[in-house]
Amino acid sequence: MNKLLSALAAVCVFSAPAWAAKQTVTLAVPGMTCGVCPITVHKALTAVPGVEKVSVDEAKKDAVVTFDDAKTTVKALIKATTDAGYPSTAAQ
């Protein structure tokens, strides 16, 4: 019985990354008005654990973020930009 439980525990531990999925979200960041704004937004988003890639476009006033949904959420990304002074919303 102990061997079975140990084997089951090992399977769960090593298969956990299979539950994680990369997600990509576009955040509308309307408050970006200057050349420094995208740098600040980029820095705030890359500081969030689980974020893998960030592309910020000042002209479009958006940020495209690829992240591991097992480590973070869209809500956490929005909080990061808001805390940096740039409120954002998930674009439709």
PDB file of N, CA and C in Angstrom:
ATOM      1  N   MET A   1       0.820  -1.191   0.000  1.00  0.00           N
ATOM      2  CA  MET A   1       0.000   0.000   0.000  1.00  0.00           C
ATOM      3  C   MET A   1       0.870   1.263   0.000  1.00  0.00           C
ATOM      4  N   ASN A   2       1.955   1.236   0.791  1.00  0.00           N
ATOM      5  CA  ASN A   2       2.843   2.393   0.845  1.00  0.00           C
ATOM      6  C   ASN A   2       3.505   2.634  -0.508  1.00  0.00           C
ATOM      7  N   LYS A   3       3.856   1.543  -1.198  1.00  0.00           N
ATOM      8  CA  LYS A   3       4.470   1.696  -2.517  1.00  0.00           C
ATOM      9  C   LYS A   3       3.485   2.332  -3.497  1.00  0.00           C
ATOM     10  N   LEU A   4       2.232   1.933  -3.395  1.00  0.00           N
ATOM     11  CA  LEU A   4       1.205   2.487  -4.273  1.00  0.00           C
ATOM     12  C   LEU A   4       1.019   3.979  -4.007  1.00  0.00           C
ATOM     13  N   LEU A   5       0.959   4.354  -2.750  1.00  0.00           N
ATOM     14  CA  LEU A   5       0.807   5.766  -2.398  1.00  0.00           C
ATOM     15  C   LEU A   5       2.020   6.579  -2.835  1.00  0.00           C
ATOM     16  N   SER A   6       3.202   6.013  -2.673  1.00  0.00           N
ATOM     17  CA  SER A   6       4.420   6.705  -3.103  1.00  0.00           C
ATOM     18  C   SER A   6       4.428   6.903  -4.616  1.00  0.00           C
ATOM     19  N   ALA A   7       4.034   5.882  -5.342  1.00  0.00           N
ATOM     20  CA  ALA A   7       3.993   5.979  -6.798  1.00  0.00           C
ATOM     21  C   ALA A   7       2.958   7.009  -7.241  1.00  0.00           C
ATOM     22  N   LEU A   8       1.811   7.011  -6.594  1.00  0.00           N
ATOM     23  CA  LEU A   8       0.767   7.975  -6.918  1.00  0.00           C
ATOM     24  C   LEU A   8       1.227   9.403  -6.624  1.00  0.00           C
ATOM     25  N   ALA A   9       1.890   9.601  -5.508  1.00  0.00           N
ATOM     26  CA  ALA A   9       2.411  10.923  -5.152  1.00  0.00           C
ATOM     27  C   ALA A   9       3.441  11.387  -6.177  1.00  0.00           C
ATOM     28  N   ALA A  10       4.308  10.492  -6.608  1.00  0.00           N
ATOM     29  CA  ALA A  10       5.330  10.845  -7.595  1.00  0.00           C
ATOM     30  C   ALA A  10       4.686  11.250  -8.920  1.00  0.00           C
ATOM     31  N   VAL A  11       3.669  10.530  -9.332  1.00  0.00           N
ATOM     32  CA  VAL A  11       2.971  10.859 -10.574  1.00  0.00           C
ATOM     33  C   VAL A  11       2.346  12.245 -10.473  1.00  0.00           C
ATOM     34  N   CYS A  12       1.728  12.539  -9.347  1.00  0.00           N
ATOM     35  CA  CYS A  12       1.096  13.852  -9.163  1.00  0.00           C
ATOM     36  C   CYS A  12       2.119  14.977  -9.184  1.00  0.00           C
ATOM     37  N   VAL A  13       3.228  14.780  -8.519  1.00  0.00           N
ATOM     38  CA  VAL A  13       4.257  15.818  -8.451  1.00  0.00           C
ATOM     39  C   VAL A  13       4.857  16.083  -9.821  1.00  0.00           C
ATOM     40  N   PHE A  14       5.183  15.034 -10.543  1.00  0.00           N
ATOM     41  CA  PHE A  14       5.856  15.213 -11.821  1.00  0.00           C
ATOM     42  C   PHE A  14       4.913  15.549 -12.967  1.00  0.00           C
ATOM     43  N   SER A  15       3.626  15.356 -12.792  1.00  0.00           N
ATOM     44  CA  SER A  15       2.692  15.712 -13.854  1.00  0.00           C
ATOM     45  C   SER A  15       2.069  17.082 -13.629  1.00  0.00           C
ATOM     46  N   ALA A  16       2.377  17.745 -12.525  1.00  0.00           N
ATOM     47  CA  ALA A  16       1.812  19.071 -12.240  1.00  0.00           C
ATOM     48  C   ALA A  16       2.050  20.066 -13.364  1.00  0.00           C
ATOM     49  N   PRO A  17       3.237  20.099 -13.974  1.00  0.00           N
ATOM     50  CA  PRO A  17       3.426  21.046 -15.070  1.00  0.00           C
ATOM     51  C   PRO A  17       2.486  20.801 -16.251  1.00  0.00           C
ATOM     52  N   ALA A  18       1.957  19.599 -16.378  1.00  0.00           N
ATOM     53  CA  ALA A  18       1.031  19.314 -17.463  1.00  0.00           C
ATOM     54  C   ALA A  18      -0.281  20.064 -17.277  1.00  0.00           C
ATOM     55  N   TRP A  19      -0.614  20.421 -16.048  1.00  0.00           N
ATOM     56  CA  TRP A  19      -1.845  21.162 -15.783  1.00  0.00           C
ATOM     57  C   TRP A  19      -1.690  22.629 -16.146  1.00  0.00           C
ATOM     58  N   ALA A  20      -0.476  23.111 -16.127  1.00  0.00           N
ATOM     59  CA  ALA A  20      -0.225  24.517 -16.436  1.00  0.00           C
ATOM     60  C   ALA A  20      -0.363  24.737 -17.936  1.00  0.00           C
ATOM     61  N   ALA A  21      -0.865  25.883 -18.272  1.00  0.00           N
ATOM     62  CA  ALA A  21      -1.005  26.205 -19.687  1.00  0.00           C
ATOM     63  C   ALA A  21      -0.564  27.636 -19.924  1.00  0.00           C
ATOM     64  N   LYS A  22       0.094  27.831 -21.045  1.00  0.00           N
ATOM     65  CA  LYS A  22       0.457  29.195 -21.419  1.00  0.00           C
ATOM     66  C   LYS A  22      -0.799  29.900 -21.908  1.00  0.00           C
ATOM     67  N   GLN A  23      -0.976  31.090 -21.450  1.00  0.00           N
ATOM     68  CA  GLN A  23      -2.095  31.920 -21.876  1.00  0.00           C
ATOM     69  C   GLN A  23      -1.529  33.226 -22.416  1.00  0.00           C
ATOM     70  N   THR A  24      -2.216  33.821 -23.341  1.00  0.00           N
ATOM     71  CA  THR A  24      -1.834  35.135 -23.843  1.00  0.00           C
ATOM     72  C   THR A  24      -3.047  36.043 -23.726  1.00  0.00           C
ATOM     73  N   VAL A  25      -2.813  37.218 -23.151  1.00  0.00           N
ATOM     74  CA  VAL A  25      -3.884  38.195 -22.983  1.00  0.00           C
ATOM     75  C   VAL A  25      -3.394  39.546 -23.491  1.00  0.00           C
ATOM     76  N   THR A  26      -4.305  40.297 -24.059  1.00  0.00           N
ATOM     77  CA  THR A  26      -4.007  41.672 -24.446  1.00  0.00           C
ATOM     78  C   THR A  26      -4.664  42.585 -23.429  1.00  0.00           C
ATOM     79  N   LEU A  27      -3.854  43.435 -22.824  1.00  0.00           N
ATOM     80  CA  LEU A  27      -4.357  44.400 -21.858  1.00  0.00           C
ATOM     81  C   LEU A  27      -4.430  45.770 -22.518  1.00  0.00           C
ATOM     82  N   ALA A  28      -5.567  46.422 -22.414  1.00  0.00           N
ATOM     83  CA  ALA A  28      -5.704  47.803 -22.869  1.00  0.00           C
ATOM     84  C   ALA A  28      -5.167  48.689 -21.753  1.00  0.00           C
ATOM     85  N   VAL A  29      -4.213  49.545 -22.099  1.00  0.00           N
ATOM     86  CA  VAL A  29      -3.584  50.434 -21.114  1.00  0.00           C
ATOM     87  C   VAL A  29      -3.715  51.864 -21.653  1.00  0.00           C
ATOM     88  N   PRO A  30      -4.893  52.477 -21.484  1.00  0.00           N
ATOM     89  CA  PRO A  30      -5.150  53.778 -22.108  1.00  0.00           C
ATOM     90  C   PRO A  30      -4.333  54.936 -21.544  1.00  0.00           C
ATOM     91  N   GLY A  31      -3.756  54.781 -20.367  1.00  0.00           N
ATOM     92  CA  GLY A  31      -3.016  55.872 -19.745  1.00  0.00           C
ATOM     93  C   GLY A  31      -1.601  56.074 -20.248  1.00  0.00           C
ATOM     94  N   MET A  32      -1.159  55.257 -21.192  1.00  0.00           N
ATOM     95  CA  MET A  32       0.208  55.427 -21.715  1.00  0.00           C
ATOM     96  C   MET A  32       0.229  56.614 -22.676  1.00  0.00           C
ATOM     97  N   THR A  33       0.969  57.659 -22.291  1.00  0.00           N
ATOM     98  CA  THR A  33       0.964  58.882 -23.091  1.00  0.00           C
ATOM     99  C   THR A  33       2.354  59.371 -23.489  1.00  0.00           C
ATOM    100  N   CYS A  34       3.396  58.695 -23.032  1.00  0.00           N
ATOM    101  CA  CYS A  34       4.747  59.171 -23.354  1.00  0.00           C
ATOM    102  C   CYS A  34       5.677  57.975 -23.585  1.00  0.00           C
ATOM    103  N   GLY A  35       6.894  58.250 -23.943  1.00  0.00           N
ATOM    104  CA  GLY A  35       7.861  57.200 -24.240  1.00  0.00           C
ATOM    105  C   GLY A  35       8.300  56.379 -23.049  1.00  0.00           C
ATOM    106  N   VAL A  36       8.158  56.928 -21.854  1.00  0.00           N
ATOM    107  CA  VAL A  36       8.569  56.207 -20.643  1.00  0.00           C
ATOM    108  C   VAL A  36       7.474  55.248 -20.172  1.00  0.00           C
ATOM    109  N   CYS A  37       6.231  55.552 -20.504  1.00  0.00           N
ATOM    110  CA  CYS A  37       5.101  54.731 -20.042  1.00  0.00           C
ATOM    111  C   CYS A  37       5.248  53.246 -20.401  1.00  0.00           C
ATOM    112  N   PRO A  38       5.554  52.895 -21.652  1.00  0.00           N
ATOM    113  CA  PRO A  38       5.680  51.478 -21.993  1.00  0.00           C
ATOM    114  C   PRO A  38       6.793  50.774 -21.216  1.00  0.00           C
ATOM    115  N   ILE A  39       7.850  51.508 -20.906  1.00  0.00           N
ATOM    116  CA  ILE A  39       8.950  50.918 -20.134  1.00  0.00           C
ATOM    117  C   ILE A  39       8.467  50.562 -18.736  1.00  0.00           C
ATOM    118  N   THR A  40       7.707  51.469 -18.127  1.00  0.00           N
ATOM    119  CA  THR A  40       7.180  51.238 -16.783  1.00  0.00           C
ATOM    120  C   THR A  40       6.197  50.074 -16.779  1.00  0.00           C
ATOM    121  N   VAL A  41       5.309  50.035 -17.764  1.00  0.00           N
ATOM    122  CA  VAL A  41       4.328  48.948 -17.862  1.00  0.00           C
ATOM    123  C   VAL A  41       5.047  47.618 -18.087  1.00  0.00           C
ATOM    124  N   HIS A  42       6.023  47.597 -18.978  1.00  0.00           N
ATOM    125  CA  HIS A  42       6.794  46.377 -19.255  1.00  0.00           C
ATOM    126  C   HIS A  42       7.474  45.874 -17.985  1.00  0.00           C
ATOM    127  N   LYS A  43       8.108  46.776 -17.264  1.00  0.00           N
ATOM    128  CA  LYS A  43       8.808  46.403 -16.034  1.00  0.00           C
ATOM    129  C   LYS A  43       7.835  45.839 -15.000  1.00  0.00           C
ATOM    130  N   ALA A  44       6.673  46.460 -14.857  1.00  0.00           N
ATOM    131  CA  ALA A  44       5.673  45.989 -13.889  1.00  0.00           C
ATOM    132  C   ALA A  44       5.177  44.589 -14.241  1.00  0.00           C
ATOM    133  N   LEU A  45       4.933  44.346 -15.516  1.00  0.00           N
ATOM    134  CA  LEU A  45       4.411  43.042 -15.935  1.00  0.00           C
ATOM    135  C   LEU A  45       5.463  41.942 -15.848  1.00  0.00           C
ATOM    136  N   THR A  46       6.694  42.236 -16.222  1.00  0.00           N
ATOM    137  CA  THR A  46       7.730  41.200 -16.161  1.00  0.00           C
ATOM    138  C   THR A  46       8.099  40.838 -14.729  1.00  0.00           C
ATOM    139  N   ALA A  47       7.740  41.683 -13.773  1.00  0.00           N
ATOM    140  CA  ALA A  47       8.010  41.380 -12.366  1.00  0.00           C
ATOM    141  C   ALA A  47       7.008  40.386 -11.781  1.00  0.00           C
ATOM    142  N   VAL A  48       5.924  40.124 -12.486  1.00  0.00           N
ATOM    143  CA  VAL A  48       4.902  39.189 -12.002  1.00  0.00           C
ATOM    144  C   VAL A  48       5.394  37.760 -12.239  1.00  0.00           C
ATOM    145  N   PRO A  49       5.467  36.941 -11.179  1.00  0.00           N
ATOM    146  CA  PRO A  49       5.893  35.547 -11.353  1.00  0.00           C
ATOM    147  C   PRO A  49       4.978  34.818 -12.342  1.00  0.00           C
ATOM    148  N   GLY A  50       5.576  34.095 -13.261  1.00  0.00           N
ATOM    149  CA  GLY A  50       4.806  33.342 -14.244  1.00  0.00           C
ATOM    150  C   GLY A  50       4.708  34.026 -15.595  1.00  0.00           C
ATOM    151  N   VAL A  51       5.059  35.306 -15.654  1.00  0.00           N
ATOM    152  CA  VAL A  51       5.028  36.016 -16.934  1.00  0.00           C
ATOM    153  C   VAL A  51       6.235  35.579 -17.755  1.00  0.00           C
ATOM    154  N   GLU A  52       5.977  35.174 -18.992  1.00  0.00           N
ATOM    155  CA  GLU A  52       7.031  34.668 -19.859  1.00  0.00           C
ATOM    156  C   GLU A  52       7.430  35.652 -20.956  1.00  0.00           C
ATOM    157  N   LYS A  53       6.479  36.461 -21.421  1.00  0.00           N
ATOM    158  CA  LYS A  53       6.776  37.387 -22.513  1.00  0.00           C
ATOM    159  C   LYS A  53       5.841  38.587 -22.414  1.00  0.00           C
ATOM    160  N   VAL A  54       6.394  39.770 -22.662  1.00  0.00           N
ATOM    161  CA  VAL A  54       5.603  41.004 -22.643  1.00  0.00           C
ATOM    162  C   VAL A  54       5.975  41.843 -23.854  1.00  0.00           C
ATOM    163  N   SER A  55       4.970  42.341 -24.542  1.00  0.00           N
ATOM    164  CA  SER A  55       5.175  43.269 -25.651  1.00  0.00           C
ATOM    165  C   SER A  55       4.232  44.449 -25.433  1.00  0.00           C
ATOM    166  N   VAL A  56       4.800  45.641 -25.268  1.00  0.00           N
ATOM    167  CA  VAL A  56       4.000  46.833 -25.003  1.00  0.00           C
ATOM    168  C   VAL A  56       4.065  47.744 -26.225  1.00  0.00           C
ATOM    169  N   ASP A  57       2.906  48.219 -26.659  1.00  0.00           N
ATOM    170  CA  ASP A  57       2.821  49.096 -27.828  1.00  0.00           C
ATOM    171  C   ASP A  57       2.189  50.422 -27.409  1.00  0.00           C
ATOM    172  N   GLU A  58       3.005  51.467 -27.379  1.00  0.00           N
ATOM    173  CA  GLU A  58       2.509  52.789 -26.963  1.00  0.00           C
ATOM    174  C   GLU A  58       1.444  53.315 -27.924  1.00  0.00           C
ATOM    175  N   ALA A  59       1.649  53.130 -29.219  1.00  0.00           N
ATOM    176  CA  ALA A  59       0.703  53.637 -30.215  1.00  0.00           C
ATOM    177  C   ALA A  59      -0.670  52.983 -30.079  1.00  0.00           C
ATOM    178  N   LYS A  60      -0.686  51.678 -29.850  1.00  0.00           N
ATOM    179  CA  LYS A  60      -1.950  50.953 -29.684  1.00  0.00           C
ATOM    180  C   LYS A  60      -2.483  51.053 -28.258  1.00  0.00           C
ATOM    181  N   LYS A  61      -1.632  51.519 -27.356  1.00  0.00           N
ATOM    182  CA  LYS A  61      -1.964  51.615 -25.928  1.00  0.00           C
ATOM    183  C   LYS A  61      -2.403  50.254 -25.380  1.00  0.00           C
ATOM    184  N   ASP A  62      -1.564  49.239 -25.679  1.00  0.00           N
ATOM    185  CA  ASP A  62      -1.851  47.909 -25.155  1.00  0.00           C
ATOM    186  C   ASP A  62      -0.577  47.160 -24.801  1.00  0.00           C
ATOM    187  N   ALA A  63      -0.780  46.068 -24.108  1.00  0.00           N
ATOM    188  CA  ALA A  63       0.318  45.173 -23.740  1.00  0.00           C
ATOM    189  C   ALA A  63      -0.156  43.749 -23.984  1.00  0.00           C
ATOM    190  N   VAL A  64       0.643  42.982 -24.696  1.00  0.00           N
ATOM    191  CA  VAL A  64       0.338  41.571 -24.944  1.00  0.00           C
ATOM    192  C   VAL A  64       1.252  40.765 -24.025  1.00  0.00           C
ATOM    193  N   VAL A  65       0.621  39.941 -23.181  1.00  0.00           N
ATOM    194  CA  VAL A  65       1.360  39.221 -22.145  1.00  0.00           C
ATOM    195  C   VAL A  65       1.118  37.722 -22.286  1.00  0.00           C
ATOM    196  N   THR A  66       2.198  36.956 -22.332  1.00  0.00           N
ATOM    197  CA  THR A  66       2.123  35.496 -22.307  1.00  0.00           C
ATOM    198  C   THR A  66       2.576  35.060 -20.927  1.00  0.00           C
ATOM    199  N   PHE A  67       1.758  34.214 -20.287  1.00  0.00           N
ATOM    200  CA  PHE A  67       2.032  33.829 -18.908  1.00  0.00           C
ATOM    201  C   PHE A  67       1.593  32.397 -18.636  1.00  0.00           C
ATOM    202  N   ASP A  68       2.127  31.849 -17.563  1.00  0.00           N
ATOM    203  CA  ASP A  68       1.786  30.508 -17.093  1.00  0.00           C
ATOM    204  C   ASP A  68       0.594  30.655 -16.155  1.00  0.00           C
ATOM    205  N   ASP A  69      -0.560  30.119 -16.549  1.00  0.00           N
ATOM    206  CA  ASP A  69      -1.765  30.314 -15.742  1.00  0.00           C
ATOM    207  C   ASP A  69      -1.778  29.517 -14.440  1.00  0.00           C
ATOM    208  N   ALA A  70      -0.764  28.692 -14.233  1.00  0.00           N
ATOM    209  CA  ALA A  70      -0.635  28.007 -12.945  1.00  0.00           C
ATOM    210  C   ALA A  70       0.085  28.897 -11.936  1.00  0.00           C
ATOM    211  N   LYS A  71       0.735  29.956 -12.432  1.00  0.00           N
ATOM    212  CA  LYS A  71       1.517  30.829 -11.555  1.00  0.00           C
ATOM    213  C   LYS A  71       0.918  32.217 -11.381  1.00  0.00           C
ATOM    214  N   THR A  72       0.097  32.658 -12.319  1.00  0.00           N
ATOM    215  CA  THR A  72      -0.496  33.990 -12.201  1.00  0.00           C
ATOM    216  C   THR A  72      -1.822  34.040 -12.941  1.00  0.00           C
ATOM    217  N   THR A  73      -2.493  35.172 -12.820  1.00  0.00           N
ATOM    218  CA  THR A  73      -3.810  35.354 -13.429  1.00  0.00           C
ATOM    219  C   THR A  73      -3.867  36.696 -14.149  1.00  0.00           C
ATOM    220  N   VAL A  74      -4.885  36.858 -14.963  1.00  0.00           N
ATOM    221  CA  VAL A  74      -5.096  38.144 -15.628  1.00  0.00           C
ATOM    222  C   VAL A  74      -5.327  39.220 -14.575  1.00  0.00           C
ATOM    223  N   LYS A  75      -6.045  38.871 -13.526  1.00  0.00           N
ATOM    224  CA  LYS A  75      -6.306  39.826 -12.440  1.00  0.00           C
ATOM    225  C   LYS A  75      -4.992  40.332 -11.835  1.00  0.00           C
ATOM    226  N   ALA A  76      -4.022  39.452 -11.657  1.00  0.00           N
ATOM    227  CA  ALA A  76      -2.718  39.851 -11.103  1.00  0.00           C
ATOM    228  C   ALA A  76      -1.962  40.755 -12.073  1.00  0.00           C
ATOM    229  N   LEU A  77      -2.105  40.507 -13.368  1.00  0.00           N
ATOM    230  CA  LEU A  77      -1.455  41.355 -14.369  1.00  0.00           C
ATOM    231  C   LEU A  77      -2.060  42.758 -14.354  1.00  0.00           C
ATOM    232  N   ILE A  78      -3.378  42.820 -14.267  1.00  0.00           N
ATOM    233  CA  ILE A  78      -4.067  44.111 -14.193  1.00  0.00           C
ATOM    234  C   ILE A  78      -3.654  44.861 -12.933  1.00  0.00           C
ATOM    235  N   LYS A  79      -3.539  44.146 -11.831  1.00  0.00           N
ATOM    236  CA  LYS A  79      -3.104  44.766 -10.577  1.00  0.00           C
ATOM    237  C   LYS A  79      -1.691  45.321 -10.714  1.00  0.00           C
ATOM    238  N   ALA A  80      -0.822  44.600 -11.396  1.00  0.00           N
ATOM    239  CA  ALA A  80       0.567  45.047 -11.565  1.00  0.00           C
ATOM    240  C   ALA A  80       0.636  46.365 -12.334  1.00  0.00           C
ATOM    241  N   THR A  81      -0.125  46.479 -13.422  1.00  0.00           N
ATOM    242  CA  THR A  81      -0.093  47.737 -14.175  1.00  0.00           C
ATOM    243  C   THR A  81      -0.748  48.862 -13.391  1.00  0.00           C
ATOM    244  N   THR A  82      -1.830  48.550 -12.709  1.00  0.00           N
ATOM    245  CA  THR A  82      -2.525  49.558 -11.904  1.00  0.00           C
ATOM    246  C   THR A  82      -1.632  50.063 -10.784  1.00  0.00           C
ATOM    247  N   ASP A  83      -0.948  49.149 -10.106  1.00  0.00           N
ATOM    248  CA  ASP A  83      -0.035  49.539  -9.025  1.00  0.00           C
ATOM    249  C   ASP A  83       1.122  50.391  -9.542  1.00  0.00           C
ATOM    250  N   ALA A  84       1.469  50.221 -10.820  1.00  0.00           N
ATOM    251  CA  ALA A  84       2.546  51.013 -11.426  1.00  0.00           C
ATOM    252  C   ALA A  84       2.035  52.369 -11.928  1.00  0.00           C
ATOM    253  N   GLY A  85       0.734  52.608 -11.773  1.00  0.00           N
ATOM    254  CA  GLY A  85       0.161  53.885 -12.186  1.00  0.00           C
ATOM    255  C   GLY A  85      -0.532  53.869 -13.534  1.00  0.00           C
ATOM    256  N   TYR A  86      -0.702  52.665 -14.095  1.00  0.00           N
ATOM    257  CA  TYR A  86      -1.321  52.529 -15.410  1.00  0.00           C
ATOM    258  C   TYR A  86      -2.443  51.498 -15.361  1.00  0.00           C
ATOM    259  N   PRO A  87      -3.643  51.919 -14.953  1.00  0.00           N
ATOM    260  CA  PRO A  87      -4.768  50.978 -14.912  1.00  0.00           C
ATOM    261  C   PRO A  87      -4.988  50.338 -16.286  1.00  0.00           C
ATOM    262  N   SER A  88      -5.330  49.064 -16.261  1.00  0.00           N
ATOM    263  CA  SER A  88      -5.557  48.347 -17.517  1.00  0.00           C
ATOM    264  C   SER A  88      -6.786  47.467 -17.391  1.00  0.00           C
ATOM    265  N   THR A  89      -7.253  46.997 -18.528  1.00  0.00           N
ATOM    266  CA  THR A  89      -8.353  46.044 -18.585  1.00  0.00           C
ATOM    267  C   THR A  89      -8.008  45.001 -19.640  1.00  0.00           C
ATOM    268  N   ALA A  90      -8.596  43.821 -19.492  1.00  0.00           N
ATOM    269  CA  ALA A  90      -8.405  42.785 -20.510  1.00  0.00           C
ATOM    270  C   ALA A  90      -9.180  43.209 -21.751  1.00  0.00           C
ATOM    271  N   ALA A  91      -8.496  43.303 -22.880  1.00  0.00           N
ATOM    272  CA  ALA A  91      -9.137  43.712 -24.134  1.00  0.00           C
ATOM    273  C   ALA A  91      -9.999  42.577 -24.655  1.00  0.00           C
ATOM    274  N   GLN A  92     -11.073  42.923 -25.306  1.00  0.00           N
ATOM    275  CA  GLN A  92     -11.989  41.921 -25.854  1.00  0.00           C
ATOM    276  C   GLN A  92     -11.539  41.469 -27.218  1.00  0.00           C
TER     277      GLN A  92
END
